[in-house]
C-alpha atoms as a PDB file:
ATOM      1  CA  MET A   1      12.095 -15.314   7.108  1.00  0.00           C
ATOM      2  CA  ARG A   2      10.850 -11.995   7.145  1.00  0.00           C
ATOM      3  CA  LYS A   3      10.945 -11.405   3.726  1.00  0.00           C
ATOM      4  CA  ILE A   4       8.802 -14.967   2.514  1.00  0.00           C
ATOM      5  CA  GLY A   5       6.274 -13.719   5.285  1.00  0.00           C
ATOM      6  CA  TRP A   6       5.940 -10.041   3.519  1.00  0.00           C
ATOM      7  CA  GLY A   7       5.760 -12.349   0.079  1.00  0.00           C
ATOM      8  CA  ALA A   8       2.818 -13.745   1.782  1.00  0.00           C
ATOM      9  CA  ILE A   9       1.089 -10.567   2.682  1.00  0.00           C
ATOM     10  CA  ALA A  10       2.162  -9.045  -0.317  1.00  0.00           C
ATOM     11  CA  LEU A  11      -0.283 -11.977  -2.161  1.00  0.00           C
ATOM     12  CA  PHE A  12      -3.251 -11.682   0.156  1.00  0.00           C
ATOM     13  CA  LEU A  13      -3.813  -8.386  -0.018  1.00  0.00           C
ATOM     14  CA  ALA A  14      -2.952  -8.130  -3.943  1.00  0.00           C
ATOM     15  CA  ALA A  15      -5.971 -10.828  -4.394  1.00  0.00           C
ATOM     16  CA  PHE A  16      -8.323  -8.911  -1.253  1.00  0.00           C
ATOM     17  CA  ALA A  17      -7.599  -6.092  -3.301  1.00  0.00           C
ATOM     18  CA  VAL A  18      -8.412  -7.514  -6.818  1.00  0.00           C
ATOM     19  CA  PHE A  19     -11.542  -8.959  -5.274  1.00  0.00           C
ATOM     20  CA  GLU A  20     -12.522  -5.952  -3.875  1.00  0.00           C
ATOM     21  CA  SER A  21     -12.019  -4.069  -7.471  1.00  0.00           C
ATOM     22  CA  VAL A  22     -14.101  -6.428  -9.008  1.00  0.00           C
ATOM     23  CA  LYS A  23     -16.959  -6.356  -6.864  1.00  0.00           C
ATOM     24  CA  TYR A  24     -17.359  -2.562  -6.615  1.00  0.00           C
ATOM     25  CA  GLY A  25     -16.016  -1.816 -10.745  1.00  0.00           C
ATOM     26  CA  LEU A  26     -13.926   0.872 -12.032  1.00  0.00           C
ATOM     27  CA  PRO A  27     -13.417   3.877  -9.380  1.00  0.00           C
ATOM     28  CA  THR A  28     -12.114   1.030  -6.886  1.00  0.00           C
ATOM     29  CA  THR A  29     -10.179  -0.371  -9.617  1.00  0.00           C
ATOM     30  CA  VAL A  30      -8.406   2.953 -10.252  1.00  0.00           C
ATOM     31  CA  ALA A  31      -7.999   3.820  -6.890  1.00  0.00           C
ATOM     32  CA  THR A  32      -5.951   0.432  -5.836  1.00  0.00           C
ATOM     33  CA  LEU A  33      -4.004   1.082  -9.044  1.00  0.00           C
ATOM     34  CA  VAL A  34      -3.116   4.677  -8.038  1.00  0.00           C
ATOM     35  CA  PHE A  35      -2.039   4.213  -5.037  1.00  0.00           C
ATOM     36  CA  PHE A  36      -0.106   1.020  -5.872  1.00  0.00           C
ATOM     37  CA  VAL A  37       1.764   3.261  -7.911  1.00  0.00           C
ATOM     38  CA  LEU A  38       1.817   6.089  -5.135  1.00  0.00           C
ATOM     39  CA  ILE A  39       4.824   5.548  -4.050  1.00  0.00           C
ATOM     40  CA  ASP A  40       6.958   5.675  -7.549  1.00  0.00           C
ATOM     41  CA  LEU A  41       4.752   8.893  -8.322  1.00  0.00           C
ATOM     42  CA  ALA A  42       6.138  10.634  -4.959  1.00  0.00           C
ATOM     43  CA  ARG A  43       9.579   9.327  -6.255  1.00  0.00           C
ATOM     44  CA  LEU A  44       8.558  11.316  -9.943  1.00  0.00           C
ATOM     45  CA  VAL A  45       7.957  14.429  -7.910  1.00  0.00           C
ATOM     46  CA  GLY A  46      11.678  14.372  -6.446  1.00  0.00           C
ATOM     47  CA  VAL A  47      10.877  12.946  -2.636  1.00  0.00           C
ATOM     48  CA  ARG A  48      13.837  11.131  -1.707  1.00  0.00           C
ATOM     49  CA  PRO A  49      14.734   9.986   1.130  1.00  0.00           C
ATOM     50  CA  PRO A  50      15.533  10.863   3.974  1.00  0.00           C
ATOM     51  CA  GLY A  51      12.393  13.359   4.015  1.00  0.00           C
ATOM     52  CA  ALA A  52       9.100  12.867   5.832  1.00  0.00           C
ATOM     53  CA  LEU A  53       7.321  12.765   2.685  1.00  0.00           C
ATOM     54  CA  TYR A  54       9.554   9.722   1.958  1.00  0.00           C
ATOM     55  CA  GLN A  55       8.723   8.035   5.251  1.00  0.00           C
ATOM     56  CA  ALA A  56       5.611   8.276   4.973  1.00  0.00           C
ATOM     57  CA  VAL A  57       4.612   6.635   1.874  1.00  0.00           C
ATOM     58  CA  HIS A  58       6.824   3.884   3.094  1.00  0.00           C
ATOM     59  CA  ARG A  59       5.176   3.414   6.474  1.00  0.00           C
ATOM     60  CA  VAL A  60       3.008   0.602   7.011  1.00  0.00           C
ATOM     61  CA  TRP A  61       0.547   1.936   9.906  1.00  0.00           C
ATOM     62  CA  ILE A  62      -0.465   4.662   7.553  1.00  0.00           C
ATOM     63  CA  PRO A  63      -2.810   2.629   5.194  1.00  0.00           C
ATOM     64  CA  LEU A  64      -3.448  -0.072   8.077  1.00  0.00           C
ATOM     65  CA  VAL A  65      -5.267   2.613   9.893  1.00  0.00           C
ATOM     66  CA  VAL A  66      -7.527   3.449   7.166  1.00  0.00           C
ATOM     67  CA  LEU A  67      -8.247   0.082   6.302  1.00  0.00           C
ATOM     68  CA  VAL A  68      -9.292  -0.819   9.984  1.00  0.00           C
ATOM     69  CA  THR A  69     -10.945   2.666  10.423  1.00  0.00           C
ATOM     70  CA  TYR A  70     -13.197   2.103   7.262  1.00  0.00           C
ATOM     71  CA  SER A  71     -13.846  -1.852   8.573  1.00  0.00           C
ATOM     72  CA  PHE A  72     -15.243  -0.448  11.816  1.00  0.00           C
ATOM     73  CA  GLY A  73     -16.149   3.283  11.552  1.00  0.00           C
ATOM     74  CA  PRO A  74     -19.347   4.808   9.645  1.00  0.00           C
ATOM     75  CA  ILE A  75     -17.449   6.152   6.095  1.00  0.00           C
ATOM     76  CA  VAL A  76     -18.660   3.408   3.254  1.00  0.00           C
ATOM     77  CA  TRP A  77     -17.048   4.447   0.134  1.00  0.00           C
ATOM     78  CA  PRO A  78     -15.579   1.277  -1.006  1.00  0.00           C
ATOM     79  CA  PRO A  79     -12.683   3.330  -2.916  1.00  0.00           C
ATOM     80  CA  LEU A  80     -10.758   4.407  -0.136  1.00  0.00           C
ATOM     81  CA  PHE A  81     -10.926   0.827   1.292  1.00  0.00           C
ATOM     82  CA  THR A  82      -9.150  -0.330  -1.974  1.00  0.00           C
ATOM     83  CA  ALA A  83      -6.504   2.385  -2.315  1.00  0.00           C
ATOM     84  CA  ALA A  84      -5.196   1.499   1.312  1.00  0.00           C
ATOM     85  CA  LEU A  85      -5.302  -2.531   0.274  1.00  0.00           C
ATOM     86  CA  GLY A  86      -2.955  -1.148  -2.786  1.00  0.00           C
ATOM     87  CA  TRP A  87      -0.713   0.833  -1.105  1.00  0.00           C
ATOM     88  CA  LEU A  88      -0.517  -1.723   1.760  1.00  0.00           C
ATOM     89  CA  THR A  89       0.372  -4.155  -1.496  1.00  0.00           C
ATOM     90  CA  ARG A  90       3.197  -2.042  -2.580  1.00  0.00           C
ATOM     91  CA  ILE A  91       4.832  -1.318   0.664  1.00  0.00           C
ATOM     92  CA  ALA A  92       4.422  -5.454   1.676  1.00  0.00           C
ATOM     93  CA  LEU A  93       6.602  -5.851  -2.022  1.00  0.00           C
ATOM     94  CA  GLU A  94       8.976  -3.837  -1.211  1.00  0.00           C
ATOM     95  CA  ARG A  95       9.823  -5.691   1.558  1.00  0.00           C
ATOM     96  CA  ALA A  96       9.440  -8.714   0.379  1.00  0.00           C
ATOM     97  CA  PHE A  97      11.829  -7.737  -1.988  1.00  0.00           C
ATOM     98  CA  GLY A  98      13.907  -5.912   0.110  1.00  0.00           C
ATOM     99  CA  ARG A  99      13.551  -2.570  -1.190  1.00  0.00           C
ATOM    100  CA  GLY A 100      11.704  -1.186   1.770  1.00  0.00           C
ATOM    101  CA  ARG A 101      12.499   0.788   5.337  1.00  0.00           C
ATOM    102  CA  GLY A 102      15.182  -1.385   6.889  1.00  0.00           C
ATOM    103  CA  SER A 103      17.029  -2.218   3.536  1.00  0.00           C
ATOM    104  CA  PRO A 104      20.732  -1.706   3.268  1.00  0.00           C
ATOM    105  CA  ALA A 105      20.374   0.798   1.262  1.00  0.00           C
ATOM    106  CA  GLU A 106      18.160   3.091   3.567  1.00  0.00           C
ATOM    107  CA  ARG A 107      20.361   2.404   6.743  1.00  0.00           C
END
């Protein structure tokens, strides 16, 4: 049931990221895509579990704090918002497919 929930959240976030990217143009699209592959980029530069940086790129609360702060704060820069959407989408996808925090491979 948990995987289905993460999958539904991932679909919603992906649709929202596409909507915002179309609405605001190329900079937001680039930010979304770069942060969507952030976990892969971190892995390419040698970030491995159980290190602190590895844990940071897999935490849900970091992009969530960015989204909430952006939504209620004075900052108006859409690429920041869509970057957090891309990052959170990737985390949700990994958890939906059992590769995120708490999967058997990481215990």
